[in-house]
Amino acid sequence: MNLLKKIQNKKFYMYLYYIVAPLIMVILANFSIRPKLEWISEYMIIGSVNFLTFKWIGDYVKFFKIHDQYFWTYAALTLITILFFPLGAYFFGPYGIPVWLGVILITALMGTESGIASAFTLSTVATVISSYDFKVFAIYVISSVGAIYLVRNFNKRTDMTKMTFYSAIIGIAIFWVMNLNLNILNSKDIVILFFNPFISMILAFGIMPYVEYISRIYSNIGLLELGGLSHPLLKELSMQAPGTYFHSVELANMCEMAASRINANYTLARIGAYFHDIGKMKRPEFFTENQKGVNPHDKMSPIMNYLVITSHVKYGVKMAQEYRLPLLVEDIIREHHGTRMASFFYQKALSENLNVSPDDFRYPGPKPRTKEAGIVMLADSCEATFKSMKEINPSKIQNIVEEIVNRVYNERQLDDSGLSLRDLDEISQEFSKILSMRLKTRISYPSREEVEKVIKIAN
């Protein structure tokens, strides 16, 4: 009943936004709160475009289905951008409206589809401000969509600079084409069209860190800053659970290479792998990579074994929320075991003749909902199995990787991840190659003459 109420409330607030937001946009576009008759047509136009673009990204952008924050952050960034429109139009004319501010922010944070949708909404409002001048709409939409298409992946600050430069060049080209019938082109408008995207980019750079922190929706640029291994959680992990830390670093390399091979977000895959096991800091001695001969599980019941092992996911999610890690990284922490069974302890329970079912030993889930979470799940199993192998050769590694990937697929853990069979084949090949490279040994150096000891490591 509470869940149903929550869903109904969610829909209510969304529909309320669809009704109220266009009115706010019309008020901002007119820079007045005194209603006029023409507001009705403006409200209908802006409202229709706003609803259709939201509907489009809601259907085609997966993150909007997973997290409500994407909806509300997109809405907030759209309205905040429109706040600057009257000022831009007043001081610099129709070509000084900072449409690109919202487009750059939303594209960097939420992807190209969301950026294109925002370009249509913001360009429509800019057109209304400019007395329905179609040239304004064409310049803003074509330059924004064209620049997004040319850059596509936004992994570095230079990518945003490229997008800005392309927007300026395309905008000027469209302006020139649409004014060919005029004998004289307004050089002031050309200068404004060139500098508008660059000023918008500077503003976006200043605003973005605050948006990331508040919304926990990170751009790839923000994710890269977490990948320097200097984050407090990673430092603590290296001290509290060094075995888990080195496992995570090795896993990150595997995930990045596999994600890059299938054109997934390799930055997210790498950062997600770094943080996926941070919950093990709570009880590091219960995980084999941190143990030194003594295994505390031997003195516990299978049910307690299961509860301790699976609790690292819960603690990891709690830490992610406390440190405001990106939502998608939190998802990887929550999903990297999916609803798989802790089979070792299930078998232990059966050997002790306990009346249990497989469902009693499953992780709480959910299953991976992104390609990156699916990659981390597969890499985690492959890397752990690789370390447990005694006799290793490339052929055996390939067989183990294939077996693990097939088992996870057959368990239906990847149904919601978006990974295709072709993706799984590419991922398997990449994992096999990376793990096989670890078999290479260095040459043995000849023995050297004894040297005088100046240091001695204490026991």
Protein backbone atom coordinates (compact mmCIF):
# COMPACT_ATOMS: atom_id res chain seq x y z
CA MET A 1 0.00 0.00 0.00
CA ASN A 2 2.83 2.40 0.89
CA LEU A 3 4.64 1.52 -2.35
CA LEU A 4 1.49 2.20 -4.38
CA LYS A 5 1.08 5.53 -2.61
CA LYS A 6 4.70 6.41 -3.35
CA ILE A 7 4.28 5.62 -7.06
CA GLN A 8 1.08 7.67 -7.22
CA ASN A 9 2.77 10.61 -5.49
CA LYS A 10 5.70 10.38 -7.90
CA LYS A 11 3.38 10.52 -10.92
CA PHE A 12 1.38 13.34 -9.33
CA TYR A 13 4.47 15.53 -8.88
CA MET A 14 5.66 14.78 -12.40
CA TYR A 15 2.34 15.74 -13.94
CA LEU A 16 2.26 18.82 -11.72
CA TYR A 17 5.65 19.76 -13.16
CA TYR A 18 4.36 19.31 -16.72
CA ILE A 19 1.58 21.81 -15.91
CA VAL A 20 3.48 24.35 -13.80
CA ALA A 21 6.92 24.39 -15.48
CA PRO A 22 5.70 25.79 -18.85
CA LEU A 23 3.94 28.60 -16.98
CA ILE A 24 7.19 29.45 -15.17
CA MET A 25 9.01 29.35 -18.52
CA VAL A 26 6.45 31.72 -20.06
CA ILE A 27 6.80 34.14 -17.14
CA LEU A 28 10.59 34.08 -17.46
CA ALA A 29 10.40 34.43 -21.22
CA ASN A 30 8.26 37.56 -20.88
CA PHE A 31 10.22 38.83 -17.87
CA SER A 32 6.88 39.74 -16.32
CA ILE A 33 4.26 38.32 -13.95
CA ARG A 34 1.41 40.33 -15.51
CA PRO A 35 -0.55 37.86 -17.66
CA LYS A 36 -1.30 38.63 -21.31
CA LEU A 37 -3.58 36.97 -23.84
CA GLU A 38 -0.67 35.74 -25.97
CA TRP A 39 0.60 33.77 -23.00
CA ILE A 40 -1.96 31.06 -23.82
CA SER A 41 -0.33 30.24 -27.17
CA GLU A 42 3.15 30.49 -25.64
CA TYR A 43 2.12 28.16 -22.82
CA MET A 44 0.71 25.61 -25.30
CA ILE A 45 3.85 25.65 -27.47
CA ILE A 46 6.39 25.48 -24.63
CA GLY A 47 4.29 23.00 -22.66
CA SER A 48 3.95 20.65 -25.64
CA VAL A 49 7.67 20.68 -26.45
CA ASN A 50 8.59 20.29 -22.77
CA PHE A 51 6.24 17.30 -22.36
CA LEU A 52 7.35 15.57 -25.59
CA THR A 53 11.06 15.93 -24.83
CA PHE A 54 10.55 14.63 -21.29
CA LYS A 55 8.51 11.74 -22.64
CA TRP A 56 11.24 10.93 -25.16
CA ILE A 57 14.12 10.83 -22.68
CA GLY A 58 11.92 9.01 -20.15
CA ASP A 59 11.42 6.22 -22.72
CA TYR A 60 14.92 6.09 -24.22
CA VAL A 61 17.33 7.14 -21.45
CA LYS A 62 17.65 4.27 -18.98
CA PHE A 63 18.90 6.37 -16.07
CA PHE A 64 15.60 8.29 -15.94
CA LYS A 65 13.79 5.00 -15.32
CA ILE A 66 16.18 3.99 -12.54
CA HIS A 67 16.51 7.24 -10.58
CA ASP A 68 14.01 10.06 -10.01
CA GLN A 69 16.96 12.41 -9.44
CA TYR A 70 17.58 12.45 -13.18
CA PHE A 71 14.09 13.79 -13.86
CA TRP A 72 14.28 16.50 -11.21
CA THR A 73 17.87 17.48 -11.97
CA TYR A 74 17.05 17.81 -15.66
CA ALA A 75 14.01 19.92 -14.77
CA ALA A 76 16.01 22.11 -12.37
CA LEU A 77 18.84 22.70 -14.86
CA THR A 78 16.33 23.61 -17.57
CA LEU A 79 14.61 26.20 -15.35
CA ILE A 80 17.90 27.59 -14.00
CA THR A 81 19.16 28.06 -17.56
CA ILE A 82 15.96 29.87 -18.57
CA LEU A 83 16.51 32.27 -15.65
CA PHE A 84 19.43 33.73 -17.61
CA PHE A 85 17.47 34.08 -20.87
CA PRO A 86 15.88 37.51 -20.26
CA LEU A 87 19.26 38.99 -19.26
CA GLY A 88 20.97 37.58 -22.33
CA ALA A 89 18.21 38.81 -24.63
CA TYR A 90 18.11 42.27 -22.99
CA PHE A 91 21.86 42.98 -23.22
CA PHE A 92 22.90 41.03 -26.34
CA GLY A 93 19.75 40.39 -28.35
CA PRO A 94 18.29 37.05 -29.51
CA TYR A 95 21.70 35.52 -30.25
CA GLY A 96 22.96 36.25 -26.75
CA ILE A 97 20.47 33.92 -25.04
CA PRO A 98 22.56 31.27 -23.23
CA VAL A 99 20.83 28.17 -24.59
CA TRP A 100 24.19 26.37 -24.70
CA LEU A 101 24.60 26.69 -20.92
CA GLY A 102 21.82 24.17 -20.27
CA VAL A 103 22.73 22.01 -23.26
CA ILE A 104 26.37 21.67 -22.16
CA LEU A 105 25.46 20.92 -18.53
CA ILE A 106 22.76 18.35 -19.34
CA THR A 107 24.83 16.64 -22.06
CA ALA A 108 27.88 16.29 -19.80
CA LEU A 109 25.85 15.01 -16.84
CA MET A 110 23.17 12.88 -18.50
CA GLY A 111 24.33 11.97 -21.99
CA THR A 112 23.75 12.98 -25.58
CA GLU A 113 20.04 12.01 -25.77
CA SER A 114 19.21 14.24 -22.80
CA GLY A 115 21.33 17.04 -24.26
CA ILE A 116 19.46 16.90 -27.58
CA ALA A 117 16.10 16.94 -25.77
CA SER A 118 17.15 20.00 -23.74
CA ALA A 119 18.26 21.75 -26.93
CA PHE A 120 14.72 21.56 -28.33
CA THR A 121 13.07 22.79 -25.10
CA LEU A 122 15.51 25.65 -24.50
CA SER A 123 15.51 26.70 -28.17
CA THR A 124 11.71 26.85 -28.12
CA VAL A 125 11.76 29.22 -25.12
CA ALA A 126 14.46 31.32 -26.82
CA THR A 127 12.28 31.52 -29.94
CA VAL A 128 9.30 32.75 -27.89
CA ILE A 129 11.49 35.44 -26.32
CA SER A 130 12.62 36.44 -29.83
CA SER A 131 9.04 36.99 -31.04
CA TYR A 132 8.83 33.62 -32.83
CA ASP A 133 11.86 34.25 -35.04
CA PHE A 134 12.43 30.87 -36.72
CA LYS A 135 16.07 31.76 -37.42
CA VAL A 136 16.75 31.76 -33.69
CA PHE A 137 15.23 28.29 -33.26
CA ALA A 138 17.12 26.87 -36.25
CA ILE A 139 20.48 28.30 -35.13
CA TYR A 140 20.25 27.05 -31.55
CA VAL A 141 18.85 23.60 -32.35
CA ILE A 142 21.05 22.75 -35.34
CA SER A 143 24.25 24.04 -33.73
CA SER A 144 23.56 22.23 -30.45
CA VAL A 145 22.52 18.90 -32.00
CA GLY A 146 25.33 19.08 -34.58
CA ALA A 147 27.98 19.74 -31.92
CA ILE A 148 26.67 16.93 -29.69
CA TYR A 149 26.72 14.52 -32.65
CA LEU A 150 30.28 15.48 -33.63
CA VAL A 151 31.70 15.02 -30.12
CA ARG A 152 29.37 12.29 -28.74
CA ASN A 153 31.59 11.15 -25.85
CA PHE A 154 32.35 13.67 -23.10
CA ASN A 155 35.24 12.20 -21.12
CA LYS A 156 37.56 15.20 -20.84
CA ARG A 157 37.26 18.96 -20.48
CA THR A 158 38.67 19.29 -23.99
CA ASP A 159 35.62 17.41 -25.29
CA MET A 160 33.40 20.16 -23.87
CA THR A 161 35.65 22.77 -25.48
CA LYS A 162 35.31 20.96 -28.82
CA MET A 163 31.54 20.95 -28.47
CA THR A 164 31.59 24.66 -27.72
CA PHE A 165 33.77 25.43 -30.74
CA TYR A 166 31.59 23.32 -33.06
CA SER A 167 28.45 25.05 -31.70
CA ALA A 168 29.93 28.46 -32.47
CA ILE A 169 31.06 27.54 -36.00
CA ILE A 170 27.81 25.76 -36.91
CA GLY A 171 25.74 28.62 -35.42
CA ILE A 172 27.59 31.22 -37.49
CA ALA A 173 27.30 29.08 -40.63
CA ILE A 174 23.51 28.71 -40.18
CA PHE A 175 23.21 32.45 -39.49
CA TRP A 176 25.13 33.22 -42.70
CA VAL A 177 23.04 30.80 -44.81
CA MET A 178 19.76 32.23 -43.48
CA ASN A 179 20.82 35.79 -44.22
CA LEU A 180 22.20 35.30 -47.75
CA ASN A 181 19.42 37.45 -49.17
CA LEU A 182 20.69 40.45 -47.15
CA ASN A 183 23.38 42.64 -48.62
CA ILE A 184 25.00 43.32 -45.23
CA LEU A 185 25.47 40.84 -42.40
CA ASN A 186 25.35 42.18 -38.87
CA SER A 187 28.90 41.66 -37.58
CA LYS A 188 27.74 42.26 -34.00
CA ASP A 189 25.41 39.25 -34.17
CA ILE A 190 28.24 37.10 -35.57
CA VAL A 191 30.55 38.09 -32.70
CA ILE A 192 27.81 37.36 -30.14
CA LEU A 193 27.07 33.98 -31.77
CA PHE A 194 30.76 33.07 -31.56
CA PHE A 195 31.31 34.04 -27.91
CA ASN A 196 27.93 32.92 -26.53
CA PRO A 197 28.86 29.16 -26.42
CA PHE A 198 32.25 29.91 -24.82
CA ILE A 199 30.76 32.07 -22.07
CA SER A 200 28.12 29.37 -21.51
CA MET A 201 30.88 26.76 -21.22
CA ILE A 202 32.75 28.82 -18.60
CA LEU A 203 29.53 29.16 -16.57
CA ALA A 204 28.88 25.42 -16.95
CA PHE A 205 32.34 24.57 -15.62
CA GLY A 206 31.66 26.71 -12.56
CA ILE A 207 28.19 25.30 -11.88
CA MET A 208 28.86 21.62 -12.62
CA PRO A 209 30.70 20.59 -9.39
CA TYR A 210 27.82 21.91 -7.27
CA VAL A 211 25.23 20.13 -9.40
CA GLU A 212 27.22 16.90 -9.12
CA TYR A 213 27.49 17.13 -5.34
CA ILE A 214 23.80 18.02 -4.79
CA SER A 215 22.29 15.57 -7.29
CA ARG A 216 24.97 12.84 -7.15
CA ILE A 217 24.72 12.72 -10.94
CA TYR A 218 28.30 12.94 -12.16
CA SER A 219 29.79 13.74 -15.52
CA ASN A 220 32.67 11.59 -16.72
CA ILE A 221 34.92 14.52 -15.85
CA GLY A 222 33.70 14.38 -12.26
CA LEU A 223 34.07 10.59 -12.21
CA LEU A 224 37.70 10.90 -13.30
CA GLU A 225 38.43 13.01 -10.24
CA LEU A 226 37.31 10.04 -8.10
CA GLY A 227 39.67 7.76 -10.00
CA GLY A 228 42.90 9.18 -8.61
CA LEU A 229 42.87 6.70 -5.67
CA SER A 230 43.14 9.66 -3.29
CA HIS A 231 39.51 9.48 -2.16
CA PRO A 232 39.22 9.03 1.64
CA LEU A 233 37.24 5.79 1.23
CA LEU A 234 39.90 4.24 -1.01
CA LYS A 235 42.68 5.33 1.34
CA GLU A 236 40.85 3.76 4.26
CA LEU A 237 40.19 0.61 2.22
CA SER A 238 43.93 0.27 1.47
CA MET A 239 44.67 0.39 5.20
CA GLN A 240 41.76 -1.62 6.60
CA ALA A 241 41.44 -4.24 3.85
CA PRO A 242 44.60 -4.21 1.68
CA GLY A 243 43.70 -7.47 -0.06
CA THR A 244 40.33 -6.06 -1.12
CA TYR A 245 41.98 -2.82 -2.22
CA PHE A 246 44.43 -4.55 -4.59
CA HIS A 247 41.63 -6.79 -5.86
CA SER A 248 39.61 -3.65 -6.67
CA VAL A 249 42.53 -2.00 -8.50
CA GLU A 250 43.11 -5.09 -10.63
CA LEU A 251 39.38 -5.37 -11.26
CA ALA A 252 39.23 -1.74 -12.38
CA ASN A 253 41.71 -2.40 -15.19
CA MET A 254 39.71 -5.40 -16.39
CA CYS A 255 36.43 -3.49 -16.31
CA GLU A 256 37.82 -0.46 -18.09
CA MET A 257 39.26 -2.51 -20.95
CA ALA A 258 36.11 -4.62 -21.35
CA ALA A 259 33.81 -1.57 -21.25
CA SER A 260 35.96 0.23 -23.80
CA ARG A 261 35.81 -2.80 -26.10
CA ILE A 262 31.99 -2.84 -26.19
CA ASN A 263 31.64 0.99 -26.23
CA ALA A 264 30.18 1.19 -22.73
CA ASN A 265 31.15 3.93 -20.26
CA TYR A 266 34.67 2.79 -19.38
CA THR A 267 35.15 5.62 -16.88
CA LEU A 268 32.09 4.55 -14.87
CA ALA A 269 33.14 0.89 -15.08
CA ARG A 270 36.60 1.71 -13.71
CA ILE A 271 35.38 3.94 -10.87
CA GLY A 272 32.60 1.49 -9.98
CA ALA A 273 35.19 -1.29 -9.69
CA TYR A 274 37.33 0.82 -7.35
CA PHE A 275 34.43 1.28 -4.94
CA HIS A 276 32.43 -1.93 -5.40
CA ASP A 277 33.75 -3.65 -2.26
CA ILE A 278 34.20 -0.71 0.14
CA GLY A 279 31.70 -2.37 2.49
CA LYS A 280 34.30 -5.02 3.30
CA MET A 281 36.08 -2.46 5.50
CA LYS A 282 33.48 -3.17 8.17
CA ARG A 283 34.67 -6.76 8.74
CA PRO A 284 37.74 -7.27 6.51
CA GLU A 285 38.93 -10.43 8.28
CA PHE A 286 35.88 -12.37 7.03
CA PHE A 287 37.01 -12.11 3.39
CA THR A 288 39.71 -14.48 2.13
CA GLU A 289 41.82 -11.82 0.37
CA ASN A 290 42.42 -10.15 3.76
CA GLN A 291 42.93 -13.28 5.88
CA LYS A 292 46.27 -14.41 7.30
CA GLY A 293 45.81 -18.12 7.93
CA VAL A 294 42.84 -17.91 10.32
CA ASN A 295 39.34 -18.08 8.88
CA PRO A 296 36.68 -16.90 11.38
CA HIS A 297 33.95 -18.50 9.24
CA ASP A 298 35.06 -21.94 10.46
CA LYS A 299 33.58 -21.24 13.91
CA MET A 300 30.23 -19.93 12.63
CA SER A 301 26.98 -21.44 11.36
CA PRO A 302 26.25 -21.29 7.62
CA ILE A 303 23.42 -18.78 8.19
CA MET A 304 25.78 -16.45 10.09
CA ASN A 305 28.41 -16.96 7.39
CA TYR A 306 25.87 -15.86 4.80
CA LEU A 307 24.73 -12.82 6.80
CA VAL A 308 28.29 -11.59 7.36
CA ILE A 309 29.38 -12.09 3.74
CA THR A 310 26.34 -10.42 2.18
CA SER A 311 26.36 -7.51 4.65
CA HIS A 312 29.30 -5.90 2.83
CA VAL A 313 26.85 -4.79 0.12
CA LYS A 314 24.62 -3.04 2.66
CA TYR A 315 27.58 -1.35 4.36
CA GLY A 316 29.01 -0.34 0.98
CA VAL A 317 25.75 1.35 -0.04
CA LYS A 318 25.62 3.15 3.29
CA MET A 319 29.17 4.47 2.85
CA ALA A 320 28.42 5.55 -0.73
CA GLN A 321 25.46 7.59 0.49
CA GLU A 322 27.40 9.06 3.40
CA TYR A 323 30.26 10.20 1.13
CA ARG A 324 27.86 11.22 -1.64
CA LEU A 325 29.41 9.00 -4.26
CA PRO A 326 27.73 9.09 -7.71
CA LEU A 327 24.35 7.34 -7.91
CA LEU A 328 25.60 5.02 -10.65
CA VAL A 329 28.59 3.99 -8.52
CA GLU A 330 26.19 3.25 -5.64
CA ASP A 331 24.19 1.12 -8.08
CA ILE A 332 27.29 -0.91 -8.95
CA ILE A 333 27.99 -1.47 -5.23
CA ARG A 334 24.40 -2.62 -4.74
CA GLU A 335 24.17 -4.74 -7.89
CA HIS A 336 27.59 -6.34 -8.41
CA HIS A 337 26.38 -9.62 -6.81
CA GLY A 338 22.84 -9.29 -8.15
CA THR A 339 20.61 -11.97 -6.64
CA ARG A 340 23.24 -14.69 -6.95
CA MET A 341 23.57 -17.39 -4.33
CA ALA A 342 26.43 -17.67 -1.83
CA SER A 343 26.80 -21.27 -2.95
CA PHE A 344 29.73 -22.21 -0.69
CA PHE A 345 27.72 -21.57 2.46
CA TYR A 346 24.59 -23.12 0.97
CA GLN A 347 26.54 -26.33 0.37
CA LYS A 348 27.94 -26.09 3.89
CA ALA A 349 24.38 -25.85 5.25
CA LEU A 350 23.34 -28.92 3.24
CA SER A 351 26.33 -30.88 4.53
CA GLU A 352 25.18 -30.09 8.06
CA ASN A 353 21.69 -31.39 7.20
CA LEU A 354 20.04 -28.03 7.72
CA ASN A 355 16.58 -27.48 6.25
CA VAL A 356 17.36 -24.57 3.89
CA SER A 357 16.51 -23.49 0.36
CA PRO A 358 18.75 -21.72 -2.19
CA ASP A 359 16.73 -18.52 -1.75
CA ASP A 360 17.88 -18.35 1.88
CA PHE A 361 21.43 -17.78 0.65
CA ARG A 362 20.88 -15.20 -2.08
CA TYR A 363 22.19 -11.64 -2.19
CA PRO A 364 19.39 -9.07 -1.89
CA GLY A 365 20.01 -7.55 -5.35
CA PRO A 366 18.80 -5.99 -7.53
CA LYS A 367 20.33 -7.49 -10.66
CA PRO A 368 22.66 -5.24 -12.69
CA ARG A 369 20.67 -2.56 -14.50
CA THR A 370 23.50 -1.08 -16.57
CA LYS A 371 26.18 -2.54 -18.81
CA GLU A 372 28.86 -1.25 -16.46
CA ALA A 373 27.33 -2.99 -13.42
CA GLY A 374 27.10 -6.21 -15.43
CA ILE A 375 30.77 -5.95 -16.40
CA VAL A 376 31.81 -5.46 -12.76
CA MET A 377 29.77 -8.53 -11.75
CA LEU A 378 31.47 -10.70 -14.40
CA ALA A 379 34.95 -9.34 -13.72
CA ASP A 380 34.55 -9.83 -9.97
CA SER A 381 33.76 -13.53 -10.41
CA CYS A 382 36.48 -14.11 -13.01
CA GLU A 383 39.21 -12.34 -11.05
CA ALA A 384 38.35 -14.12 -7.80
CA THR A 385 38.32 -17.53 -9.53
CA PHE A 386 41.62 -16.77 -11.28
CA LYS A 387 43.31 -16.11 -7.93
CA SER A 388 42.01 -19.39 -6.50
CA MET A 389 43.42 -21.46 -9.39
CA LYS A 390 46.55 -23.50 -8.68
CA GLU A 391 47.51 -24.81 -12.10
CA ILE A 392 47.10 -21.98 -14.60
CA ASN A 393 47.61 -21.70 -18.34
CA PRO A 394 45.95 -19.57 -21.06
CA SER A 395 43.67 -22.39 -22.20
CA LYS A 396 42.43 -23.04 -18.68
CA ILE A 397 41.86 -19.34 -18.10
CA GLN A 398 39.75 -19.11 -21.26
CA ASN A 399 37.65 -22.11 -20.20
CA ILE A 400 37.08 -20.68 -16.71
CA VAL A 401 36.08 -17.26 -18.07
CA GLU A 402 33.64 -18.85 -20.55
CA GLU A 403 32.16 -21.02 -17.81
CA ILE A 404 31.63 -18.08 -15.43
CA VAL A 405 30.09 -15.83 -18.08
CA ASN A 406 27.77 -18.60 -19.27
CA ARG A 407 26.73 -19.45 -15.71
CA VAL A 408 25.92 -15.84 -14.85
CA TYR A 409 23.98 -15.44 -18.10
CA ASN A 410 22.01 -18.66 -17.52
CA GLU A 411 21.16 -17.51 -14.00
CA ARG A 412 19.38 -14.56 -15.70
CA GLN A 413 21.48 -12.06 -13.76
CA LEU A 414 22.18 -9.95 -16.86
CA ASP A 415 18.60 -9.65 -18.13
CA ASP A 416 18.30 -5.97 -17.14
CA SER A 417 21.89 -4.93 -17.87
CA GLY A 418 21.54 -4.30 -21.59
CA LEU A 419 24.49 -6.60 -22.40
CA SER A 420 23.97 -8.58 -25.61
CA LEU A 421 25.45 -11.99 -26.42
CA ARG A 422 27.91 -10.24 -28.71
CA ASP A 423 28.93 -7.98 -25.81
CA LEU A 424 29.45 -11.03 -23.58
CA ASP A 425 31.65 -12.64 -26.22
CA GLU A 426 33.80 -9.49 -26.47
CA ILE A 427 33.99 -9.18 -22.67
CA SER A 428 35.04 -12.84 -22.32
CA GLN A 429 37.82 -12.39 -24.86
CA GLU A 430 39.09 -9.27 -23.10
CA PHE A 431 39.06 -10.89 -19.66
CA SER A 432 40.90 -13.95 -20.99
CA LYS A 433 43.56 -11.77 -22.59
CA ILE A 434 44.10 -9.64 -19.47
CA LEU A 435 44.24 -12.58 -17.07
CA SER A 436 46.58 -14.53 -19.39
CA MET A 437 48.98 -11.59 -19.43
CA ARG A 438 49.37 -11.97 -15.66
CA LEU A 439 51.05 -15.34 -16.23
CA LYS A 440 54.14 -13.71 -17.71
CA THR A 441 57.17 -13.96 -15.44
CA ARG A 442 60.28 -11.83 -15.32
CA ILE A 443 63.77 -13.19 -15.91
CA SER A 444 65.69 -14.37 -12.87
CA TYR A 445 68.69 -12.19 -12.12
CA PRO A 446 72.07 -13.80 -11.30
CA SER A 447 73.11 -13.86 -7.66
CA ARG A 448 75.10 -10.87 -6.55
CA GLU A 449 77.95 -10.35 -4.14
CA GLU A 450 77.07 -9.85 -0.52
CA VAL A 451 76.58 -6.24 0.45
CA GLU A 452 77.10 -4.57 3.75
CA LYS A 453 73.76 -4.23 5.58
CA VAL A 454 72.87 -0.70 6.57
CA ILE A 455 69.19 -1.41 7.33
CA LYS A 456 67.33 -4.31 8.86
CA ILE A 457 63.56 -4.83 8.73
CA ALA A 458 62.15 -5.44 12.20
CA ASN A 459 59.94 -8.51 12.74
